[in-house]
Structure formats: C-alpha cells, structure tokens
N, C-alpha and C. Protein backbone atom coordinates (compact mmCIF):
# COMPACT_ATOMS: atom_id res chain seq x y z
N MET A 1 -30.88 33.94 13.58
CA MET A 1 -31.13 35.55 12.55
C MET A 1 -32.67 35.89 13.32
N LEU A 2 -32.08 36.77 13.64
CA LEU A 2 -32.96 38.03 13.81
C LEU A 2 -34.24 37.54 13.14
N ASN A 3 -35.56 38.06 13.95
CA ASN A 3 -36.67 37.49 13.35
C ASN A 3 -37.51 39.25 13.58
N PRO A 4 -37.58 40.04 12.69
CA PRO A 4 -37.15 41.82 12.98
C PRO A 4 -39.29 41.46 13.41
N SER A 5 -40.14 41.24 13.27
CA SER A 5 -41.26 41.40 13.49
C SER A 5 -41.18 40.75 15.29
N SER A 6 -40.56 39.94 15.91
CA SER A 6 -40.62 39.15 16.87
C SER A 6 -40.64 40.69 18.16
N ALA A 7 -41.37 40.85 19.00
CA ALA A 7 -41.41 41.40 19.99
C ALA A 7 -40.14 41.81 20.56
N ASN A 8 -39.38 41.33 20.80
CA ASN A 8 -37.41 41.14 21.78
C ASN A 8 -37.04 41.73 20.69
N ALA A 9 -37.06 41.67 19.52
CA ALA A 9 -35.76 41.75 17.97
C ALA A 9 -35.43 43.72 18.61
N PRO A 10 -34.34 44.15 18.24
CA PRO A 10 -33.57 45.09 18.52
C PRO A 10 -34.26 45.90 17.41
N SER A 11 -34.57 47.30 17.77
CA SER A 11 -34.83 48.40 16.97
C SER A 11 -34.01 48.81 15.99
N ARG A 12 -34.55 49.06 14.73
CA ARG A 12 -33.34 49.69 14.01
C ARG A 12 -32.37 50.91 14.39
N ASP A 13 -33.01 51.72 15.53
CA ASP A 13 -31.69 52.05 16.15
C ASP A 13 -31.09 51.76 16.32
N ASP A 14 -31.08 50.81 17.61
CA ASP A 14 -30.38 49.90 18.74
C ASP A 14 -29.56 49.38 17.88
N LEU A 15 -30.08 48.91 16.20
CA LEU A 15 -29.04 48.21 15.82
C LEU A 15 -27.68 48.66 15.02
N ILE A 16 -28.34 50.10 14.62
CA ILE A 16 -27.70 51.19 14.51
C ILE A 16 -26.53 51.84 15.42
N ASP A 17 -26.82 52.20 16.32
CA ASP A 17 -26.15 52.35 17.19
C ASP A 17 -25.23 50.95 17.45
N ALA A 18 -24.94 49.63 17.97
CA ALA A 18 -24.44 48.81 17.93
C ALA A 18 -23.24 48.62 16.41
N LEU A 19 -23.83 49.04 15.73
CA LEU A 19 -22.62 48.76 14.75
C LEU A 19 -22.08 50.43 14.54
N LEU A 20 -22.26 51.73 14.88
CA LEU A 20 -21.40 53.01 15.01
C LEU A 20 -20.10 52.61 16.60
N LEU A 21 -20.97 51.78 17.25
CA LEU A 21 -20.11 51.59 18.91
C LEU A 21 -18.56 50.59 17.56
N LYS A 22 -19.41 49.70 17.34
CA LYS A 22 -18.50 48.45 16.69
C LYS A 22 -17.56 48.91 15.98
N ALA A 23 -18.03 50.22 14.88
CA ALA A 23 -16.73 50.53 14.24
C ALA A 23 -16.04 51.73 14.50
N GLU A 24 -16.15 52.92 16.14
CA GLU A 24 -15.81 52.89 17.01
C GLU A 24 -14.51 52.49 17.71
N VAL A 25 -14.86 51.23 17.55
CA VAL A 25 -14.02 50.14 18.75
C VAL A 25 -12.46 49.52 17.40
N GLU A 26 -13.26 49.65 16.01
CA GLU A 26 -12.09 48.56 15.12
C GLU A 26 -11.77 50.27 14.99
N ALA A 27 -11.82 51.43 15.05
CA ALA A 27 -10.96 52.45 14.68
C ALA A 27 -9.95 53.08 14.93
N PHE A 28 -10.71 52.51 16.91
CA PHE A 28 -9.47 52.58 17.72
C PHE A 28 -8.58 51.79 17.74
N ASN A 29 -9.07 50.22 17.74
CA ASN A 29 -7.89 49.00 16.78
C ASN A 29 -7.01 49.48 15.80
N GLU A 30 -7.32 49.67 15.12
CA GLU A 30 -6.74 50.73 13.62
C GLU A 30 -5.06 51.56 13.93
N ALA A 31 -5.87 52.51 14.86
CA ALA A 31 -4.75 53.55 15.04
C ALA A 31 -4.04 52.90 16.20
N TYR A 32 -4.24 51.97 17.22
CA TYR A 32 -3.47 51.03 18.52
C TYR A 32 -2.49 50.36 17.78
N ALA A 33 -3.01 49.60 16.32
CA ALA A 33 -2.52 48.55 15.57
C ALA A 33 -0.53 49.85 14.93
N SER A 34 -1.73 50.79 14.07
CA SER A 34 -0.58 51.61 13.64
C SER A 34 0.50 51.95 14.37
N ALA A 35 -0.07 52.44 15.83
CA ALA A 35 1.39 53.09 16.65
C ALA A 35 2.30 51.99 16.55
N LEU A 36 1.52 50.79 16.87
CA LEU A 36 3.25 50.05 17.15
C LEU A 36 3.33 49.81 15.94
N ASP A 37 2.90 49.57 15.03
CA ASP A 37 3.76 48.83 14.08
C ASP A 37 4.70 49.74 13.40
N GLU A 38 4.09 51.46 13.95
CA GLU A 38 5.66 52.35 13.14
C GLU A 38 6.12 52.50 14.68
N GLN A 39 6.00 52.44 15.34
CA GLN A 39 6.75 52.26 17.21
C GLN A 39 6.64 53.13 17.02
N ARG A 40 5.77 54.06 17.38
CA ARG A 40 5.15 55.76 18.15
C ARG A 40 5.11 54.99 19.40
N LEU A 41 5.66 54.56 20.30
CA LEU A 41 5.36 53.89 21.38
C LEU A 41 4.99 54.73 22.26
N ALA A 42 5.68 56.33 22.70
CA ALA A 42 4.74 57.20 23.06
C ALA A 42 3.53 57.44 22.59
N ASP A 43 2.77 57.44 21.46
CA ASP A 43 1.44 57.22 21.48
C ASP A 43 0.91 56.25 21.63
N TRP A 44 1.52 55.03 21.67
CA TRP A 44 0.78 54.24 21.86
C TRP A 44 0.07 54.33 23.78
N ALA A 45 0.89 54.86 24.21
CA ALA A 45 0.87 54.87 25.66
C ALA A 45 -0.20 55.88 26.03
N GLU A 46 -0.65 56.86 25.67
CA GLU A 46 -1.51 57.99 25.48
C GLU A 46 -2.81 56.95 24.66
N MET A 47 -2.60 55.92 24.61
CA MET A 47 -4.63 55.11 24.07
C MET A 47 -4.63 54.91 25.59
N PHE A 48 -4.04 54.64 26.50
CA PHE A 48 -4.59 53.78 27.83
C PHE A 48 -5.19 55.70 29.02
N THR A 49 -5.74 55.39 29.15
CA THR A 49 -6.35 56.39 30.63
C THR A 49 -4.93 56.17 31.72
N VAL A 50 -5.21 57.16 32.43
CA VAL A 50 -4.61 57.44 33.89
C VAL A 50 -4.22 56.53 34.44
N ASN A 51 -4.88 55.67 34.84
CA ASN A 51 -5.08 54.46 35.73
C ASN A 51 -5.60 53.01 35.02
N GLY A 52 -5.24 53.08 33.20
CA GLY A 52 -5.40 51.98 32.56
C GLY A 52 -4.40 50.58 33.11
N PHE A 53 -5.08 49.65 32.61
CA PHE A 53 -3.88 48.34 32.60
C PHE A 53 -3.39 48.01 31.65
N TYR A 54 -2.32 47.16 31.60
CA TYR A 54 -2.43 46.64 30.32
C TYR A 54 -0.90 45.40 30.56
N ASN A 55 -1.61 44.27 29.68
CA ASN A 55 -0.81 42.85 31.34
C ASN A 55 -0.59 41.99 29.52
N ILE A 56 0.60 41.55 29.11
CA ILE A 56 0.62 40.59 28.02
C ILE A 56 0.79 38.82 28.97
N ILE A 57 -0.45 38.00 29.06
CA ILE A 57 -0.02 36.87 29.88
C ILE A 57 -0.56 35.82 28.46
N SER A 58 -0.16 34.96 29.21
CA SER A 58 -0.41 33.32 28.87
C SER A 58 -2.10 32.87 29.10
N ARG A 59 -2.30 32.66 28.19
CA ARG A 59 -3.19 31.72 27.76
C ARG A 59 -2.94 31.06 29.45
N GLU A 60 -2.38 29.70 30.16
CA GLU A 60 -2.48 29.47 30.83
C GLU A 60 -2.69 29.87 32.34
N ASN A 61 -1.89 31.05 32.65
CA ASN A 61 -2.07 31.75 33.49
C ASN A 61 -3.08 32.13 33.61
N TYR A 62 -3.95 32.81 32.44
CA TYR A 62 -5.75 33.63 32.53
C TYR A 62 -5.93 32.56 33.17
N ASP A 63 -6.19 31.47 31.91
CA ASP A 63 -7.05 30.42 32.46
C ASP A 63 -7.35 30.29 33.95
N ARG A 64 -5.82 30.35 34.48
CA ARG A 64 -5.75 29.95 35.92
C ARG A 64 -5.97 30.93 37.52
N LYS A 65 -6.20 32.11 36.32
CA LYS A 65 -6.21 33.47 37.20
C LYS A 65 -4.91 33.70 38.10
N LEU A 66 -3.85 32.87 37.66
CA LEU A 66 -2.48 33.89 38.15
C LEU A 66 -2.20 35.17 37.09
N PRO A 67 -2.11 35.90 37.91
CA PRO A 67 -2.14 37.44 37.05
C PRO A 67 -0.38 38.09 36.50
N VAL A 68 0.85 37.04 36.72
CA VAL A 68 1.66 36.93 36.48
C VAL A 68 1.48 37.07 34.65
N GLY A 69 2.12 38.18 33.43
CA GLY A 69 2.38 38.21 32.62
C GLY A 69 3.76 38.87 32.29
N LEU A 70 4.20 38.47 31.45
CA LEU A 70 5.07 38.81 30.35
C LEU A 70 5.33 40.41 30.89
N ILE A 71 4.27 41.17 30.46
CA ILE A 71 4.65 42.74 30.72
C ILE A 71 3.26 42.82 31.32
N TYR A 72 3.16 43.86 32.36
CA TYR A 72 2.31 44.48 33.62
C TYR A 72 2.75 45.73 33.81
N CYS A 73 2.11 46.44 33.47
CA CYS A 73 2.02 48.39 33.97
C CYS A 73 0.04 48.31 34.34
N GLU A 74 0.52 48.76 35.95
CA GLU A 74 -0.83 49.20 36.30
C GLU A 74 -1.02 50.39 36.46
N ASN A 75 -0.76 51.08 35.07
CA ASN A 75 -1.00 52.78 35.45
C ASN A 75 -0.43 53.20 33.81
N ARG A 76 -0.87 54.06 33.51
CA ARG A 76 -0.34 54.95 32.14
C ARG A 76 1.13 55.76 32.51
N GLY A 77 1.69 55.71 33.51
CA GLY A 77 3.25 55.75 33.86
C GLY A 77 3.71 54.29 33.52
N MET A 78 2.78 53.56 34.62
CA MET A 78 4.11 52.77 33.81
C MET A 78 4.45 51.92 32.55
N ILE A 79 2.89 52.43 32.14
CA ILE A 79 3.12 51.86 30.25
C ILE A 79 3.76 53.42 29.41
N ARG A 80 3.72 54.26 29.96
CA ARG A 80 4.94 55.45 29.59
C ARG A 80 6.03 54.82 29.78
N ASP A 81 6.80 54.50 31.15
CA ASP A 81 8.42 54.40 31.40
C ASP A 81 8.56 52.56 30.57
N ARG A 82 7.51 51.94 29.93
CA ARG A 82 7.71 51.09 29.14
C ARG A 82 7.56 51.45 27.47
N ALA A 83 7.58 52.23 27.41
CA ALA A 83 7.71 52.83 26.38
C ALA A 83 8.82 53.57 25.99
N PHE A 84 9.05 54.53 27.13
CA PHE A 84 9.82 55.19 27.04
C PHE A 84 11.39 54.99 26.89
N ALA A 85 11.81 53.32 27.37
CA ALA A 85 12.51 52.19 27.45
C ALA A 85 13.04 51.31 26.44
N LEU A 86 11.92 51.17 25.80
CA LEU A 86 11.38 50.41 24.23
C LEU A 86 12.62 51.54 23.04
N GLU A 87 12.03 52.82 23.27
CA GLU A 87 13.02 53.95 22.33
C GLU A 87 14.12 54.27 22.67
N LYS A 88 14.54 54.21 24.00
CA LYS A 88 15.39 54.76 24.58
C LYS A 88 16.60 54.05 25.20
N THR A 89 16.39 52.96 25.18
CA THR A 89 17.48 52.85 25.94
C THR A 89 18.07 51.23 25.82
N ALA A 90 16.60 50.41 25.34
CA ALA A 90 16.60 49.30 24.84
C ALA A 90 16.90 48.96 23.62
N MET A 91 18.18 47.34 23.93
CA MET A 91 18.90 47.11 22.52
C MET A 91 18.16 46.08 22.31
N PHE A 92 17.41 45.87 20.76
CA PHE A 92 17.23 44.67 20.64
C PHE A 92 17.27 45.11 18.78
N ALA A 93 17.50 43.59 18.10
CA ALA A 93 17.73 43.57 16.58
C ALA A 93 15.93 44.06 15.97
N PRO A 94 16.35 45.11 14.99
CA PRO A 94 15.96 46.07 14.57
C PRO A 94 14.53 45.33 13.57
N ARG A 95 13.17 45.33 13.97
CA ARG A 95 12.35 44.65 13.29
C ARG A 95 10.89 45.05 12.69
N TYR A 96 10.52 44.79 11.85
CA TYR A 96 9.19 45.37 11.28
C TYR A 96 8.00 44.48 12.22
N LEU A 97 7.02 45.28 12.64
CA LEU A 97 5.59 44.13 13.13
C LEU A 97 4.50 44.81 12.12
N ARG A 98 4.05 43.85 12.44
CA ARG A 98 2.14 44.37 11.53
C ARG A 98 1.12 43.22 12.21
N HIS A 99 0.06 44.09 13.02
CA HIS A 99 -0.83 43.79 13.45
C HIS A 99 -1.90 43.13 12.92
N MET A 100 -2.85 42.26 13.24
CA MET A 100 -4.10 42.23 12.36
C MET A 100 -4.89 41.91 13.59
N VAL A 101 -6.01 42.99 13.73
CA VAL A 101 -7.11 41.86 14.98
C VAL A 101 -8.59 42.42 14.23
N GLY A 102 -8.73 41.64 14.45
CA GLY A 102 -10.56 41.19 13.55
C GLY A 102 -11.46 39.87 14.35
N ASN A 103 -12.11 39.58 14.35
CA ASN A 103 -13.51 39.48 14.90
C ASN A 103 -13.98 39.61 16.27
N LEU A 104 -13.75 41.36 16.08
CA LEU A 104 -14.51 42.23 17.56
C LEU A 104 -15.60 42.01 17.85
N LYS A 105 -16.20 41.62 18.87
CA LYS A 105 -17.21 41.96 19.80
C LYS A 105 -17.27 42.96 20.53
N VAL A 106 -18.05 43.55 20.53
CA VAL A 106 -18.19 44.80 21.23
C VAL A 106 -19.91 44.86 21.98
N ALA A 107 -19.79 45.47 23.67
CA ALA A 107 -20.93 45.28 24.29
C ALA A 107 -21.06 46.92 25.57
N GLU A 108 -21.68 47.84 25.31
CA GLU A 108 -21.58 48.65 26.58
C GLU A 108 -22.68 48.73 27.56
N ALA A 109 -20.95 48.55 28.78
CA ALA A 109 -22.13 48.42 29.90
C ALA A 109 -22.70 49.04 30.35
N ALA A 110 -23.37 49.15 31.36
CA ALA A 110 -24.35 49.95 32.48
C ALA A 110 -23.67 51.05 32.67
N ASP A 111 -22.53 51.26 32.71
CA ASP A 111 -22.07 52.17 33.28
C ASP A 111 -21.52 53.21 32.30
N GLY A 112 -21.84 52.89 30.86
CA GLY A 112 -20.73 53.40 29.82
C GLY A 112 -19.82 52.90 29.32
N SER A 113 -18.71 52.50 29.92
CA SER A 113 -17.89 51.80 29.43
C SER A 113 -18.09 50.59 28.24
N ILE A 114 -17.31 50.08 27.79
CA ILE A 114 -17.35 49.42 26.69
C ILE A 114 -16.11 48.20 26.37
N ASP A 115 -17.37 47.50 26.51
CA ASP A 115 -16.06 46.18 27.03
C ASP A 115 -16.07 45.06 24.87
N ALA A 116 -14.69 44.69 25.39
CA ALA A 116 -14.06 44.13 23.97
C ALA A 116 -13.78 43.27 23.95
N THR A 117 -14.11 42.32 23.12
CA THR A 117 -12.73 41.43 22.74
C THR A 117 -12.49 41.39 21.22
N ALA A 118 -11.14 40.98 21.19
CA ALA A 118 -11.36 40.61 19.46
C ALA A 118 -9.76 39.48 19.62
N ASN A 119 -9.44 38.73 18.60
CA ASN A 119 -8.22 38.02 18.68
C ASN A 119 -7.45 39.47 17.45
N TYR A 120 -6.27 38.37 18.24
CA TYR A 120 -4.70 39.45 17.52
C TYR A 120 -3.91 38.45 16.85
N VAL A 121 -3.04 39.07 15.38
CA VAL A 121 -1.69 38.02 15.42
C VAL A 121 -1.07 39.09 14.92
N VAL A 122 0.09 39.05 15.19
CA VAL A 122 1.46 40.05 14.95
C VAL A 122 2.43 39.04 14.34
N PHE A 123 2.60 39.68 13.06
CA PHE A 123 3.94 39.41 12.54
C PHE A 123 5.31 39.76 12.59
N GLN A 124 5.95 39.17 12.14
CA GLN A 124 7.48 39.87 12.59
C GLN A 124 8.33 40.07 11.63
N VAL A 125 9.47 40.69 10.80
CA VAL A 125 9.72 40.66 10.12
C VAL A 125 11.64 41.19 10.46
N LEU A 126 13.07 40.64 10.45
CA LEU A 126 13.51 40.91 11.05
C LEU A 126 14.78 41.10 10.28
N PHE A 127 15.26 42.32 10.09
CA PHE A 127 16.20 42.66 9.32
C PHE A 127 17.02 42.03 8.25
N ASP A 128 17.90 40.69 9.79
CA ASP A 128 18.97 40.13 8.30
C ASP A 128 18.05 38.62 8.43
N ARG A 129 16.29 38.31 7.86
CA ARG A 129 16.21 37.48 7.72
C ARG A 129 15.30 37.65 6.54
N PRO A 130 15.03 36.85 5.91
CA PRO A 130 14.60 37.67 4.54
C PRO A 130 12.84 36.89 4.90
N ASP A 131 12.35 36.33 6.04
CA ASP A 131 10.74 35.72 5.44
C ASP A 131 9.66 36.24 7.11
N ALA A 132 9.14 36.89 6.85
CA ALA A 132 8.09 37.22 8.05
C ALA A 132 7.50 35.28 8.97
N THR A 133 7.21 35.89 10.25
CA THR A 133 7.48 34.49 11.12
C THR A 133 5.86 35.13 12.22
N ILE A 134 5.07 34.14 12.23
CA ILE A 134 4.28 34.76 13.38
C ILE A 134 4.68 34.94 14.83
N HIS A 135 4.96 36.04 15.35
CA HIS A 135 5.49 36.94 16.39
C HIS A 135 4.57 35.76 17.59
N GLN A 136 3.18 36.12 17.10
CA GLN A 136 1.93 36.33 18.55
C GLN A 136 0.36 35.72 17.89
N VAL A 137 0.03 34.96 18.35
CA VAL A 137 -1.41 34.80 18.28
C VAL A 137 -1.90 34.98 19.94
N GLY A 138 -3.04 35.75 19.69
CA GLY A 138 -4.11 35.52 21.08
C GLY A 138 -5.43 36.58 21.10
N ARG A 139 -5.81 36.97 21.60
CA ARG A 139 -7.10 37.82 21.63
C ARG A 139 -6.75 38.97 23.00
N TYR A 140 -7.83 40.12 22.86
CA TYR A 140 -7.75 41.16 23.41
C TYR A 140 -8.85 40.89 24.32
N ILE A 141 -8.42 41.00 25.63
CA ILE A 141 -9.82 41.04 26.22
C ILE A 141 -9.86 43.19 27.19
N ASP A 142 -10.79 44.21 26.08
CA ASP A 142 -10.32 45.33 26.67
C ASP A 142 -11.90 45.56 27.37
N ARG A 143 -11.56 46.57 28.16
CA ARG A 143 -12.35 48.21 28.86
C ARG A 143 -11.92 49.59 27.78
N PHE A 144 -12.69 49.65 27.54
CA PHE A 144 -13.01 51.43 26.75
C PHE A 144 -13.98 52.38 27.72
N VAL A 145 -13.23 53.48 27.50
CA VAL A 145 -14.27 54.49 28.41
C VAL A 145 -13.97 55.79 27.24
N ARG A 146 -14.74 56.58 27.95
CA ARG A 146 -14.75 57.63 26.63
C ARG A 146 -14.47 59.15 27.51
N GLU A 147 -13.22 59.72 27.46
CA GLU A 147 -12.60 60.60 27.73
C GLU A 147 -12.69 61.77 26.54
N GLU A 148 -12.04 62.76 26.81
CA GLU A 148 -12.68 64.24 25.49
C GLU A 148 -11.06 63.69 24.87
N GLY A 149 -11.54 63.98 23.90
CA GLY A 149 -10.90 63.15 22.45
C GLY A 149 -10.98 62.08 22.09
N GLY A 150 -11.91 61.36 22.94
CA GLY A 150 -12.55 59.52 22.41
C GLY A 150 -12.48 58.75 22.77
N LEU A 151 -12.61 57.58 22.48
CA LEU A 151 -11.94 56.60 23.45
C LEU A 151 -10.79 56.09 23.78
N LYS A 152 -10.10 55.54 25.17
CA LYS A 152 -9.05 54.89 25.93
C LYS A 152 -9.27 54.05 26.40
N LEU A 153 -8.22 53.11 26.42
CA LEU A 153 -8.36 51.59 26.97
C LEU A 153 -7.97 52.00 28.72
N ALA A 154 -9.02 51.21 29.24
CA ALA A 154 -9.12 51.42 31.08
C ALA A 154 -8.58 50.12 30.85
N SER A 155 -8.26 49.14 30.57
CA SER A 155 -7.35 47.70 30.10
C SER A 155 -7.91 46.96 29.23
N ARG A 156 -6.57 46.71 28.93
CA ARG A 156 -6.49 45.94 27.74
C ARG A 156 -5.36 44.32 28.67
N ILE A 157 -5.54 43.57 28.61
CA ILE A 157 -5.28 42.18 28.43
C ILE A 157 -4.84 41.07 27.63
N CYS A 158 -3.31 41.26 26.61
CA CYS A 158 -3.32 40.16 25.99
C CYS A 158 -3.24 38.79 26.18
N ILE A 159 -3.74 37.64 25.70
CA ILE A 159 -3.24 36.52 26.37
C ILE A 159 -3.24 35.78 24.92
N TYR A 160 -1.86 35.42 25.30
CA TYR A 160 -1.19 34.63 24.05
C TYR A 160 -1.39 33.62 23.81
N ASP A 161 -1.54 32.45 23.00
CA ASP A 161 -1.59 31.12 22.33
C ASP A 161 -1.15 30.38 22.74
N SER A 162 -0.12 30.76 22.25
CA SER A 162 1.36 30.14 22.30
C SER A 162 2.01 30.00 23.21
N LEU A 163 2.07 28.05 23.94
CA LEU A 163 3.01 27.60 24.42
C LEU A 163 4.56 28.32 24.90
N LEU A 164 5.38 29.22 24.19
CA LEU A 164 6.08 29.89 24.08
C LEU A 164 6.30 31.09 23.00
N ILE A 165 6.79 31.64 23.61
CA ILE A 165 6.61 32.22 22.94
C ILE A 165 8.37 33.15 22.01
N ASP A 166 8.78 33.85 21.20
CA ASP A 166 9.57 34.37 21.23
C ASP A 166 10.52 35.00 22.21
N ASN A 167 12.04 35.21 21.82
CA ASN A 167 13.15 34.99 22.99
C ASN A 167 12.93 36.79 22.97
N ALA A 168 12.58 37.22 21.83
CA ALA A 168 12.10 38.75 22.07
C ALA A 168 10.96 39.72 21.76
N LEU A 169 10.33 39.58 22.73
CA LEU A 169 8.88 40.96 22.88
C LEU A 169 10.15 41.97 23.49
N CYS A 170 10.22 42.56 22.59
CA CYS A 170 9.89 44.01 22.52
C CYS A 170 8.96 45.06 22.84
N ILE A 171 8.48 44.75 21.41
CA ILE A 171 7.11 45.92 21.42
C ILE A 171 5.73 45.13 21.34
N PRO A 172 5.34 46.16 22.66
CA PRO A 172 3.77 45.27 22.83
C PRO A 172 2.48 44.81 21.93
N VAL A 173 1.77 44.35 22.42
CA VAL A 173 1.35 43.75 21.20
C VAL A 173 -0.14 44.22 21.55
C-alpha cells in the first residue's frame, strides 16, 4: 500500500490521471467487446490505426517468440479484409459470442502511447446447442494511441492459453 506521506508517493493529481486513463481504456474495451458480440465487424476494424497490428497467437508460440498466429493482420486494410470476408463471404454456423475483459493494467509511455494488458474470456453459444461453452481464454497485450475521435489500437496481440482451440475461430477475439 502506498504511504501518502512518503516522498516518492504519487500525487493526488497523478492518481486521478491514472484512474481516468484506466477508465478510458476500459470504455474502449467495452466498445470493442460490444462490436464483436454484436458482429459489427466493420466497426471493429475501425478501432485500429491505419498501421494497426492484430494477431491471435498461442501462448506457446508467443513465449517462444514465434510470430505465427491464427489471425495475423499487419494493418487496418488487412483487418478490414478480414471483417469483410467474415461478414460477406464466410460460411459458419450461427452463433452468439460474449466477450468478458478484466484485470486491466495500463501505463502511459514516454511517447504518449498507452500500453495495456487485460485478460479475456469469450463464451460461445451455437444456435443448435443448448449450452454456452468457453470458446477462448487468454490475454491482450495492447498499444493504444490517441487519434481524432479517441483511442485507437496501434497493436493488439491476443494470446490464447488453450492448447487446442475450437475448430471454428470465426469472429475475432
């Protein structure tokens, strides 16, 4: 616990700034989850910067510094292509998803960008099955930047913990 009388303790203004920054990133993550849960994939794609990076990668590959992921997009154009393909051309069983994001940690970098990590779990319900299942569990490693209109993702790496994943990773995490 911080001792308020300590010479190195953060000021009240610093603590308020940190809380506001965390609230801003939490609001972003809520909007992100809603876009995916409602399958508004074009909206999801616009949450990234022009050079935004998106990768869904296994924990094993991430820990070994192997870049290959299930979904690997190097810019918003690739992300838009992914969204378009899923909305207009992909064939998969109808489903509902619910993204839960928590345990958020944020820090502002010297260049003004924001580094964040959060845990996520995605539940899935298929139309032809009565039960919800855990679709994926993992963590986000993010880099946010401020652009006109608010925060955008410069990078989101989704590191899933499961050794095996469901055979249909249709909607991004």
